[in-house]
Amino acid sequence: MFTIETERLILRDMVPKDEAAFVAISQHKKYQRFYSEDDCDPRKYKDLTKLFIRQAKEEPRKEYQLAIVYKLTGEFIGTACLRLESNNQASMGCGLSRSFQGSRLIYEAASALANFGFKELNIHRIYAETISENKAAIKLCEKLGMRHEALFKEHRYFKGRWWNTTVLAMLYNEFKNKA
């Protein structure tokens, strides 16, 4: 099983027992603010759990959708992902249980995953795309050292309205110089 360990966390491949906690995190109203109604269906998160478990076994591996486990309790508290793309690029995303937000744990997880991507997988560029109103995600990306690259006006339609999306990114050299 693939793992990355930090001071307070273990990032590891997802396993079947993670499904209930993953679904529970996705059902919180604040989590759902920036997702379409279809994306909030609990069945989708059950299917995603199975997909992430299958993807962890693929060769060559292209998806690192990892469970975030709090070392102190062994509890599944979120997910962090790195999706490999062509030309040594990758997209990144993460989510954390509401009860652990504000603890800097998501920064710890995202930073460890970016470090793995750049140093172990030789990624050239990591980017994240989020709804422009998702201030917490944008703040996390900026703290990681990502810069704003693009704003897509009225790019996604859900919940009866158009949403802008923001793309933030960093290059290996920018990450290396920050570390």
N, C-alpha and C. Protein backbone atom coordinates (compact mmCIF):
# COMPACT_ATOMS: atom_id res chain seq x y z
N MET A 1 0.84 -1.18 0.00
CA MET A 1 0.00 0.00 0.00
C MET A 1 0.89 1.24 0.00
N PHE A 2 0.54 2.16 -0.87
CA PHE A 2 1.28 3.41 -0.97
C PHE A 2 0.95 4.31 0.22
N THR A 3 1.99 4.91 0.83
CA THR A 3 1.78 5.84 1.94
C THR A 3 2.79 6.98 1.89
N ILE A 4 2.36 8.12 2.40
CA ILE A 4 3.23 9.26 2.69
C ILE A 4 2.94 9.62 4.13
N GLU A 5 3.98 9.78 4.92
CA GLU A 5 3.79 10.10 6.32
C GLU A 5 4.32 11.50 6.61
N THR A 6 3.55 12.25 7.40
CA THR A 6 3.96 13.57 7.86
C THR A 6 3.97 13.55 9.38
N GLU A 7 4.19 14.69 9.97
CA GLU A 7 4.23 14.76 11.43
C GLU A 7 2.92 14.26 12.06
N ARG A 8 1.79 14.68 11.51
CA ARG A 8 0.50 14.35 12.13
C ARG A 8 -0.40 13.46 11.28
N LEU A 9 0.03 13.15 10.06
CA LEU A 9 -0.85 12.47 9.12
C LEU A 9 -0.20 11.27 8.46
N ILE A 10 -1.06 10.39 7.99
CA ILE A 10 -0.67 9.34 7.04
C ILE A 10 -1.57 9.52 5.83
N LEU A 11 -0.96 9.69 4.68
CA LEU A 11 -1.69 9.70 3.41
C LEU A 11 -1.46 8.32 2.81
N ARG A 12 -2.55 7.62 2.53
CA ARG A 12 -2.44 6.24 2.06
C ARG A 12 -3.50 5.96 1.02
N ASP A 13 -3.29 4.87 0.29
CA ASP A 13 -4.31 4.41 -0.65
C ASP A 13 -5.62 4.19 0.10
N MET A 14 -6.72 4.47 -0.58
CA MET A 14 -8.02 4.24 0.03
C MET A 14 -8.33 2.76 0.07
N VAL A 15 -9.12 2.37 1.07
CA VAL A 15 -9.53 0.98 1.27
C VAL A 15 -11.05 0.96 1.47
N PRO A 16 -11.69 -0.20 1.31
CA PRO A 16 -13.15 -0.26 1.42
C PRO A 16 -13.71 0.34 2.71
N LYS A 17 -13.02 0.19 3.81
CA LYS A 17 -13.56 0.70 5.09
C LYS A 17 -13.59 2.24 5.13
N ASP A 18 -12.96 2.91 4.17
CA ASP A 18 -12.98 4.38 4.11
C ASP A 18 -14.31 4.92 3.56
N GLU A 19 -15.07 4.04 2.92
CA GLU A 19 -16.26 4.51 2.19
C GLU A 19 -17.23 5.31 3.06
N ALA A 20 -17.60 4.81 4.21
CA ALA A 20 -18.60 5.50 5.06
C ALA A 20 -18.14 6.89 5.46
N ALA A 21 -16.88 7.02 5.85
CA ALA A 21 -16.36 8.34 6.26
C ALA A 21 -16.27 9.28 5.05
N PHE A 22 -15.89 8.76 3.90
CA PHE A 22 -15.79 9.56 2.68
C PHE A 22 -17.18 10.08 2.30
N VAL A 23 -18.16 9.22 2.34
CA VAL A 23 -19.54 9.64 2.04
C VAL A 23 -20.00 10.69 3.05
N ALA A 24 -19.73 10.46 4.33
CA ALA A 24 -20.17 11.40 5.37
C ALA A 24 -19.58 12.79 5.16
N ILE A 25 -18.30 12.87 4.82
CA ILE A 25 -17.66 14.17 4.57
C ILE A 25 -18.36 14.88 3.42
N SER A 26 -18.71 14.14 2.39
CA SER A 26 -19.31 14.73 1.19
C SER A 26 -20.73 15.24 1.43
N GLN A 27 -21.36 14.82 2.49
CA GLN A 27 -22.75 15.19 2.73
C GLN A 27 -22.92 16.44 3.60
N HIS A 28 -21.83 16.99 4.06
CA HIS A 28 -21.93 18.22 4.85
C HIS A 28 -22.30 19.39 3.93
N LYS A 29 -23.23 20.22 4.36
CA LYS A 29 -23.73 21.32 3.52
C LYS A 29 -22.61 22.26 3.08
N LYS A 30 -21.66 22.56 3.94
CA LYS A 30 -20.58 23.47 3.55
C LYS A 30 -19.67 22.83 2.51
N TYR A 31 -19.49 21.52 2.57
CA TYR A 31 -18.70 20.80 1.57
C TYR A 31 -19.38 20.91 0.21
N GLN A 32 -20.70 20.85 0.20
CA GLN A 32 -21.47 20.80 -1.03
C GLN A 32 -21.64 22.16 -1.71
N ARG A 33 -21.23 23.24 -1.07
CA ARG A 33 -21.45 24.58 -1.63
C ARG A 33 -20.92 24.73 -3.04
N PHE A 34 -19.80 24.12 -3.34
CA PHE A 34 -19.13 24.35 -4.61
C PHE A 34 -19.18 23.14 -5.55
N TYR A 35 -20.18 22.28 -5.34
CA TYR A 35 -20.36 21.09 -6.18
C TYR A 35 -21.79 21.05 -6.70
N SER A 36 -21.96 20.45 -7.87
CA SER A 36 -23.30 20.30 -8.44
C SER A 36 -24.10 19.30 -7.62
N GLU A 37 -25.40 19.32 -7.82
CA GLU A 37 -26.28 18.40 -7.12
C GLU A 37 -25.89 16.95 -7.41
N ASP A 38 -25.58 16.65 -8.67
CA ASP A 38 -25.18 15.29 -9.04
C ASP A 38 -23.89 14.88 -8.34
N ASP A 39 -22.98 15.83 -8.19
CA ASP A 39 -21.70 15.54 -7.53
C ASP A 39 -21.85 15.31 -6.03
N CYS A 40 -23.01 15.63 -5.46
CA CYS A 40 -23.22 15.47 -4.01
C CYS A 40 -23.99 14.21 -3.66
N ASP A 41 -24.36 13.43 -4.65
CA ASP A 41 -25.12 12.20 -4.42
C ASP A 41 -24.24 11.20 -3.66
N PRO A 42 -24.70 10.68 -2.52
CA PRO A 42 -23.89 9.72 -1.75
C PRO A 42 -23.46 8.50 -2.57
N ARG A 43 -24.30 8.07 -3.52
CA ARG A 43 -23.93 6.92 -4.36
C ARG A 43 -22.69 7.21 -5.17
N LYS A 44 -22.53 8.46 -5.58
CA LYS A 44 -21.35 8.82 -6.35
C LYS A 44 -20.08 8.61 -5.52
N TYR A 45 -20.12 8.97 -4.22
CA TYR A 45 -18.95 8.81 -3.37
C TYR A 45 -18.67 7.34 -3.06
N LYS A 46 -19.69 6.52 -3.02
CA LYS A 46 -19.48 5.07 -2.88
C LYS A 46 -18.78 4.54 -4.13
N ASP A 47 -19.26 4.97 -5.30
CA ASP A 47 -18.63 4.55 -6.56
C ASP A 47 -17.21 5.08 -6.67
N LEU A 48 -16.99 6.32 -6.22
CA LEU A 48 -15.65 6.89 -6.27
C LEU A 48 -14.68 6.11 -5.38
N THR A 49 -15.13 5.68 -4.23
CA THR A 49 -14.27 4.89 -3.34
C THR A 49 -13.78 3.65 -4.08
N LYS A 50 -14.69 2.96 -4.74
CA LYS A 50 -14.31 1.76 -5.49
C LYS A 50 -13.36 2.10 -6.64
N LEU A 51 -13.63 3.20 -7.33
CA LEU A 51 -12.77 3.64 -8.42
C LEU A 51 -11.36 3.94 -7.91
N PHE A 52 -11.25 4.67 -6.82
CA PHE A 52 -9.94 5.05 -6.29
C PHE A 52 -9.14 3.81 -5.85
N ILE A 53 -9.82 2.82 -5.32
CA ILE A 53 -9.15 1.58 -4.93
C ILE A 53 -8.62 0.87 -6.17
N ARG A 54 -9.42 0.82 -7.24
CA ARG A 54 -8.97 0.20 -8.51
C ARG A 54 -7.79 0.97 -9.10
N GLN A 55 -7.89 2.30 -9.12
CA GLN A 55 -6.83 3.12 -9.73
C GLN A 55 -5.49 2.94 -9.03
N ALA A 56 -5.51 2.67 -7.74
CA ALA A 56 -4.26 2.48 -6.99
C ALA A 56 -3.49 1.26 -7.47
N LYS A 57 -4.17 0.35 -8.15
CA LYS A 57 -3.54 -0.89 -8.61
C LYS A 57 -3.08 -0.81 -10.06
N GLU A 58 -3.41 0.29 -10.74
CA GLU A 58 -3.06 0.41 -12.15
C GLU A 58 -1.56 0.58 -12.34
N GLU A 59 -1.08 0.03 -13.45
CA GLU A 59 0.33 0.17 -13.83
C GLU A 59 0.39 0.68 -15.26
N PRO A 60 1.04 1.74 -15.57
CA PRO A 60 1.66 2.64 -14.61
C PRO A 60 0.59 3.45 -13.88
N ARG A 61 0.92 3.86 -12.70
CA ARG A 61 -0.05 4.59 -11.88
C ARG A 61 -0.17 6.03 -12.36
N LYS A 62 -1.41 6.49 -12.51
CA LYS A 62 -1.68 7.85 -12.97
C LYS A 62 -2.46 8.66 -11.93
N GLU A 63 -3.05 7.99 -10.96
CA GLU A 63 -3.92 8.64 -9.97
C GLU A 63 -3.44 8.29 -8.56
N TYR A 64 -3.23 9.30 -7.78
CA TYR A 64 -2.91 9.13 -6.36
C TYR A 64 -4.02 9.81 -5.56
N GLN A 65 -5.17 9.13 -5.45
CA GLN A 65 -6.29 9.64 -4.66
C GLN A 65 -6.15 8.98 -3.30
N LEU A 66 -5.66 9.74 -2.34
CA LEU A 66 -5.24 9.17 -1.06
C LEU A 66 -6.16 9.56 0.09
N ALA A 67 -6.32 8.64 1.00
CA ALA A 67 -7.03 8.92 2.25
C ALA A 67 -6.09 9.73 3.14
N ILE A 68 -6.63 10.71 3.83
CA ILE A 68 -5.87 11.44 4.85
C ILE A 68 -6.31 10.87 6.20
N VAL A 69 -5.35 10.30 6.92
CA VAL A 69 -5.63 9.67 8.21
C VAL A 69 -4.89 10.45 9.30
N TYR A 70 -5.64 10.81 10.33
CA TYR A 70 -5.07 11.53 11.47
C TYR A 70 -4.36 10.52 12.37
N LYS A 71 -3.05 10.66 12.52
CA LYS A 71 -2.25 9.68 13.26
C LYS A 71 -2.73 9.47 14.69
N LEU A 72 -3.09 10.54 15.36
CA LEU A 72 -3.45 10.46 16.78
C LEU A 72 -4.60 9.51 17.03
N THR A 73 -5.57 9.47 16.11
CA THR A 73 -6.76 8.64 16.31
C THR A 73 -6.91 7.51 15.29
N GLY A 74 -6.17 7.57 14.19
CA GLY A 74 -6.33 6.60 13.12
C GLY A 74 -7.56 6.86 12.27
N GLU A 75 -8.17 8.02 12.44
CA GLU A 75 -9.43 8.37 11.78
C GLU A 75 -9.20 8.88 10.36
N PHE A 76 -10.06 8.44 9.44
CA PHE A 76 -10.11 8.97 8.08
C PHE A 76 -10.72 10.36 8.17
N ILE A 77 -9.94 11.40 7.74
CA ILE A 77 -10.44 12.76 7.89
C ILE A 77 -10.54 13.51 6.57
N GLY A 78 -10.17 12.88 5.46
CA GLY A 78 -10.28 13.56 4.18
C GLY A 78 -9.53 12.84 3.09
N THR A 79 -9.41 13.54 1.96
CA THR A 79 -8.69 12.98 0.82
C THR A 79 -7.81 14.05 0.18
N ALA A 80 -6.76 13.59 -0.45
CA ALA A 80 -5.87 14.45 -1.23
C ALA A 80 -5.49 13.68 -2.49
N CYS A 81 -5.46 14.38 -3.61
CA CYS A 81 -5.18 13.65 -4.85
C CYS A 81 -4.19 14.40 -5.73
N LEU A 82 -3.47 13.60 -6.46
CA LEU A 82 -2.55 14.08 -7.49
C LEU A 82 -2.85 13.23 -8.72
N ARG A 83 -3.32 13.88 -9.79
CA ARG A 83 -3.67 13.18 -11.03
C ARG A 83 -2.63 13.52 -12.09
N LEU A 84 -1.88 12.52 -12.51
CA LEU A 84 -0.80 12.72 -13.47
C LEU A 84 -1.36 12.91 -14.87
N GLU A 85 -0.79 13.85 -15.61
CA GLU A 85 -1.21 14.15 -16.97
C GLU A 85 0.01 14.08 -17.88
N SER A 86 -0.20 14.37 -19.15
CA SER A 86 0.90 14.34 -20.10
C SER A 86 1.89 15.48 -19.82
N ASN A 87 3.06 15.36 -20.38
CA ASN A 87 4.10 16.39 -20.29
C ASN A 87 4.51 16.71 -18.85
N ASN A 88 4.54 15.69 -18.01
CA ASN A 88 4.98 15.86 -16.61
C ASN A 88 4.20 16.93 -15.86
N GLN A 89 2.89 16.96 -16.09
CA GLN A 89 2.03 17.86 -15.35
C GLN A 89 1.06 17.04 -14.50
N ALA A 90 0.48 17.69 -13.49
CA ALA A 90 -0.48 17.00 -12.62
C ALA A 90 -1.46 18.02 -12.06
N SER A 91 -2.67 17.55 -11.81
CA SER A 91 -3.64 18.38 -11.11
C SER A 91 -3.74 17.87 -9.68
N MET A 92 -4.12 18.77 -8.79
CA MET A 92 -4.17 18.45 -7.38
C MET A 92 -5.51 18.88 -6.81
N GLY A 93 -5.99 18.14 -5.83
CA GLY A 93 -7.21 18.52 -5.13
C GLY A 93 -7.22 17.87 -3.76
N CYS A 94 -8.05 18.40 -2.86
CA CYS A 94 -8.14 17.82 -1.52
C CYS A 94 -9.42 18.27 -0.84
N GLY A 95 -9.79 17.54 0.18
CA GLY A 95 -10.95 17.87 0.98
C GLY A 95 -10.76 17.32 2.38
N LEU A 96 -11.30 18.03 3.35
CA LEU A 96 -11.08 17.67 4.76
C LEU A 96 -12.40 17.74 5.51
N SER A 97 -12.58 16.84 6.44
CA SER A 97 -13.75 16.83 7.30
C SER A 97 -13.89 18.18 8.00
N ARG A 98 -15.12 18.66 8.13
CA ARG A 98 -15.38 19.97 8.77
C ARG A 98 -14.77 20.03 10.17
N SER A 99 -14.80 18.95 10.90
CA SER A 99 -14.32 18.98 12.28
C SER A 99 -12.80 19.17 12.37
N PHE A 100 -12.07 19.02 11.27
CA PHE A 100 -10.63 19.19 11.29
C PHE A 100 -10.18 20.45 10.54
N GLN A 101 -11.11 21.18 9.98
CA GLN A 101 -10.73 22.39 9.25
C GLN A 101 -10.22 23.45 10.23
N GLY A 102 -9.27 24.23 9.76
CA GLY A 102 -8.65 25.25 10.59
C GLY A 102 -7.47 24.73 11.41
N SER A 103 -7.12 23.47 11.24
CA SER A 103 -6.05 22.85 12.02
C SER A 103 -4.71 22.82 11.28
N ARG A 104 -4.68 23.35 10.07
CA ARG A 104 -3.51 23.33 9.19
C ARG A 104 -3.18 21.92 8.68
N LEU A 105 -4.05 20.96 8.94
CA LEU A 105 -3.81 19.59 8.48
C LEU A 105 -3.91 19.48 6.97
N ILE A 106 -4.82 20.23 6.36
CA ILE A 106 -4.95 20.15 4.90
C ILE A 106 -3.70 20.71 4.23
N TYR A 107 -3.11 21.74 4.79
CA TYR A 107 -1.85 22.27 4.26
C TYR A 107 -0.75 21.21 4.40
N GLU A 108 -0.71 20.54 5.53
CA GLU A 108 0.29 19.50 5.77
C GLU A 108 0.16 18.38 4.73
N ALA A 109 -1.08 17.98 4.45
CA ALA A 109 -1.32 16.91 3.47
C ALA A 109 -0.99 17.37 2.05
N ALA A 110 -1.47 18.55 1.66
CA ALA A 110 -1.24 19.04 0.30
C ALA A 110 0.25 19.31 0.06
N SER A 111 0.92 19.84 1.04
CA SER A 111 2.35 20.11 0.91
C SER A 111 3.14 18.81 0.73
N ALA A 112 2.80 17.80 1.50
CA ALA A 112 3.48 16.50 1.38
C ALA A 112 3.22 15.88 0.01
N LEU A 113 2.00 16.02 -0.49
CA LEU A 113 1.68 15.44 -1.79
C LEU A 113 2.39 16.20 -2.92
N ALA A 114 2.44 17.53 -2.82
CA ALA A 114 3.17 18.31 -3.82
C ALA A 114 4.66 17.94 -3.79
N ASN A 115 5.22 17.81 -2.61
CA ASN A 115 6.62 17.42 -2.47
C ASN A 115 6.88 16.06 -3.13
N PHE A 116 5.98 15.11 -2.90
CA PHE A 116 6.09 13.80 -3.53
C PHE A 116 6.04 13.93 -5.06
N GLY A 117 5.09 14.72 -5.54
CA GLY A 117 4.94 14.88 -6.98
C GLY A 117 6.18 15.48 -7.64
N PHE A 118 6.69 16.53 -7.04
CA PHE A 118 7.85 17.19 -7.63
C PHE A 118 9.13 16.37 -7.47
N LYS A 119 9.37 15.85 -6.28
CA LYS A 119 10.65 15.20 -6.01
C LYS A 119 10.71 13.73 -6.40
N GLU A 120 9.60 13.01 -6.27
CA GLU A 120 9.61 11.58 -6.57
C GLU A 120 9.10 11.25 -7.97
N LEU A 121 8.13 12.02 -8.44
CA LEU A 121 7.54 11.73 -9.75
C LEU A 121 8.06 12.64 -10.85
N ASN A 122 8.93 13.57 -10.47
CA ASN A 122 9.53 14.48 -11.44
C ASN A 122 8.49 15.32 -12.20
N ILE A 123 7.47 15.74 -11.49
CA ILE A 123 6.43 16.58 -12.10
C ILE A 123 7.03 17.96 -12.37
N HIS A 124 6.69 18.52 -13.50
CA HIS A 124 7.16 19.86 -13.88
C HIS A 124 6.21 20.96 -13.38
N ARG A 125 4.89 20.69 -13.43
CA ARG A 125 3.89 21.70 -13.07
C ARG A 125 2.71 21.02 -12.39
N ILE A 126 2.30 21.57 -11.26
CA ILE A 126 1.10 21.11 -10.55
C ILE A 126 0.11 22.27 -10.55
N TYR A 127 -1.14 21.95 -10.88
CA TYR A 127 -2.15 23.00 -10.87
C TYR A 127 -3.40 22.53 -10.13
N ALA A 128 -4.23 23.48 -9.75
CA ALA A 128 -5.51 23.21 -9.13
C ALA A 128 -6.55 24.12 -9.76
N GLU A 129 -7.74 23.61 -9.94
CA GLU A 129 -8.84 24.41 -10.45
C GLU A 129 -9.96 24.36 -9.43
N THR A 130 -10.52 25.53 -9.10
CA THR A 130 -11.59 25.59 -8.12
C THR A 130 -12.59 26.68 -8.47
N ILE A 131 -13.75 26.59 -7.89
CA ILE A 131 -14.74 27.64 -8.03
C ILE A 131 -14.16 28.91 -7.40
N SER A 132 -14.27 30.02 -8.09
CA SER A 132 -13.62 31.26 -7.65
C SER A 132 -14.10 31.75 -6.29
N GLU A 133 -15.28 31.34 -5.87
CA GLU A 133 -15.78 31.73 -4.56
C GLU A 133 -15.27 30.83 -3.43
N ASN A 134 -14.53 29.79 -3.77
CA ASN A 134 -13.99 28.88 -2.76
C ASN A 134 -12.71 29.49 -2.19
N LYS A 135 -12.89 30.45 -1.32
CA LYS A 135 -11.76 31.22 -0.77
C LYS A 135 -10.77 30.34 0.00
N ALA A 136 -11.28 29.33 0.71
CA ALA A 136 -10.39 28.46 1.47
C ALA A 136 -9.45 27.68 0.55
N ALA A 137 -9.97 27.17 -0.56
CA ALA A 137 -9.14 26.42 -1.51
C ALA A 137 -8.10 27.34 -2.15
N ILE A 138 -8.51 28.53 -2.51
CA ILE A 138 -7.58 29.49 -3.12
C ILE A 138 -6.48 29.88 -2.13
N LYS A 139 -6.86 30.11 -0.88
CA LYS A 139 -5.87 30.45 0.15
C LYS A 139 -4.87 29.31 0.35
N LEU A 140 -5.36 28.07 0.35
CA LEU A 140 -4.47 26.92 0.49
C LEU A 140 -3.48 26.86 -0.68
N CYS A 141 -3.98 27.03 -1.89
CA CYS A 141 -3.11 26.99 -3.07
C CYS A 141 -2.04 28.09 -2.99
N GLU A 142 -2.45 29.28 -2.60
CA GLU A 142 -1.49 30.38 -2.48
C GLU A 142 -0.45 30.07 -1.41
N LYS A 143 -0.88 29.49 -0.30
CA LYS A 143 0.06 29.15 0.77
C LYS A 143 1.06 28.09 0.31
N LEU A 144 0.62 27.20 -0.57
CA LEU A 144 1.53 26.19 -1.14
C LEU A 144 2.55 26.82 -2.09
N GLY A 145 2.27 28.04 -2.54
CA GLY A 145 3.17 28.71 -3.47
C GLY A 145 2.63 28.80 -4.88
N MET A 146 1.37 28.40 -5.06
CA MET A 146 0.78 28.50 -6.39
C MET A 146 0.43 29.95 -6.70
N ARG A 147 0.50 30.27 -7.98
CA ARG A 147 0.13 31.61 -8.44
C ARG A 147 -1.11 31.48 -9.31
N HIS A 148 -1.86 32.56 -9.40
CA HIS A 148 -3.06 32.57 -10.24
C HIS A 148 -2.64 32.55 -11.71
N GLU A 149 -3.21 31.63 -12.47
CA GLU A 149 -2.91 31.53 -13.90
C GLU A 149 -4.08 31.93 -14.77
N ALA A 150 -5.29 31.63 -14.31
CA ALA A 150 -6.44 31.88 -15.20
C ALA A 150 -7.71 32.05 -14.38
N LEU A 151 -8.61 32.81 -14.98
CA LEU A 151 -9.96 32.96 -14.47
C LEU A 151 -10.89 32.66 -15.63
N PHE A 152 -11.74 31.67 -15.47
CA PHE A 152 -12.71 31.32 -16.49
C PHE A 152 -14.07 31.83 -16.05
N LYS A 153 -14.57 32.81 -16.78
CA LYS A 153 -15.85 33.44 -16.45
C LYS A 153 -17.00 32.50 -16.81
N GLU A 154 -17.93 32.40 -15.87
CA GLU A 154 -19.14 31.60 -16.06
C GLU A 154 -18.81 30.26 -16.72
N HIS A 155 -17.93 29.53 -16.08
CA HIS A 155 -17.35 28.30 -16.62
C HIS A 155 -18.14 27.05 -16.24
N ARG A 156 -18.79 27.05 -15.11
CA ARG A 156 -19.55 25.89 -14.63
C ARG A 156 -20.98 26.34 -14.30
N TYR A 157 -21.93 25.47 -14.62
CA TYR A 157 -23.32 25.78 -14.30
C TYR A 157 -23.87 24.71 -13.38
N PHE A 158 -24.28 25.09 -12.19
CA PHE A 158 -24.98 24.20 -11.26
C PHE A 158 -25.65 25.06 -10.20
N LYS A 159 -26.55 24.45 -9.48
CA LYS A 159 -27.33 25.14 -8.45
C LYS A 159 -28.03 26.38 -9.00
N GLY A 160 -28.42 26.28 -10.26
CA GLY A 160 -29.21 27.33 -10.87
C GLY A 160 -28.46 28.60 -11.23
N ARG A 161 -27.13 28.52 -11.33
CA ARG A 161 -26.37 29.71 -11.68
C ARG A 161 -25.04 29.35 -12.33
N TRP A 162 -24.40 30.34 -12.93
CA TRP A 162 -23.07 30.20 -13.52
C TRP A 162 -22.03 30.56 -12.47
N TRP A 163 -20.93 29.80 -12.47
CA TRP A 163 -19.83 30.01 -11.52
C TRP A 163 -18.54 30.24 -12.31
N ASN A 164 -17.72 31.16 -11.84
CA ASN A 164 -16.37 31.35 -12.37
C ASN A 164 -15.46 30.31 -11.74
N THR A 165 -14.44 29.90 -12.49
CA THR A 165 -13.42 29.02 -11.91
C THR A 165 -12.05 29.69 -12.04
N THR A 166 -11.21 29.36 -11.10
CA THR A 166 -9.85 29.90 -11.02
C THR A 166 -8.86 28.75 -11.12
N VAL A 167 -7.80 28.95 -11.89
CA VAL A 167 -6.71 27.98 -11.97
C VAL A 167 -5.48 28.59 -11.32
N LEU A 168 -4.89 27.84 -10.41
CA LEU A 168 -3.65 28.23 -9.75
C LEU A 168 -2.62 27.14 -10.03
N ALA A 169 -1.35 27.50 -10.11
CA ALA A 169 -0.33 26.50 -10.44
C ALA A 169 1.04 26.91 -9.90
N MET A 170 1.92 25.93 -9.86
CA MET A 170 3.33 26.19 -9.55
C MET A 170 4.18 25.21 -10.35
N LEU A 171 5.35 25.70 -10.69
CA LEU A 171 6.34 24.89 -11.39
C LEU A 171 7.30 24.30 -10.37
N TYR A 172 7.99 23.24 -10.77
CA TYR A 172 8.96 22.62 -9.87
C TYR A 172 9.97 23.65 -9.37
N ASN A 173 10.48 24.48 -10.27
CA ASN A 173 11.49 25.48 -9.86
C ASN A 173 10.94 26.45 -8.83
N GLU A 174 9.67 26.81 -8.94
CA GLU A 174 9.05 27.71 -7.96
C GLU A 174 8.91 27.01 -6.60
N PHE A 175 8.55 25.75 -6.65
CA PHE A 175 8.40 24.96 -5.42
C PHE A 175 9.76 24.77 -4.76
N LYS A 176 10.75 24.44 -5.58
CA LYS A 176 12.11 24.19 -5.07
C LYS A 176 12.66 25.45 -4.40
N ASN A 177 12.42 26.60 -5.00
CA ASN A 177 12.92 27.85 -4.45
C ASN A 177 12.18 28.27 -3.18
N LYS A 178 10.95 27.81 -3.02
CA LYS A 178 10.16 28.12 -1.82
C LYS A 178 10.60 27.25 -0.65
N ALA A 179 10.97 26.00 -0.95
CA ALA A 179 11.30 25.03 0.12
C ALA A 179 12.56 25.36 0.85
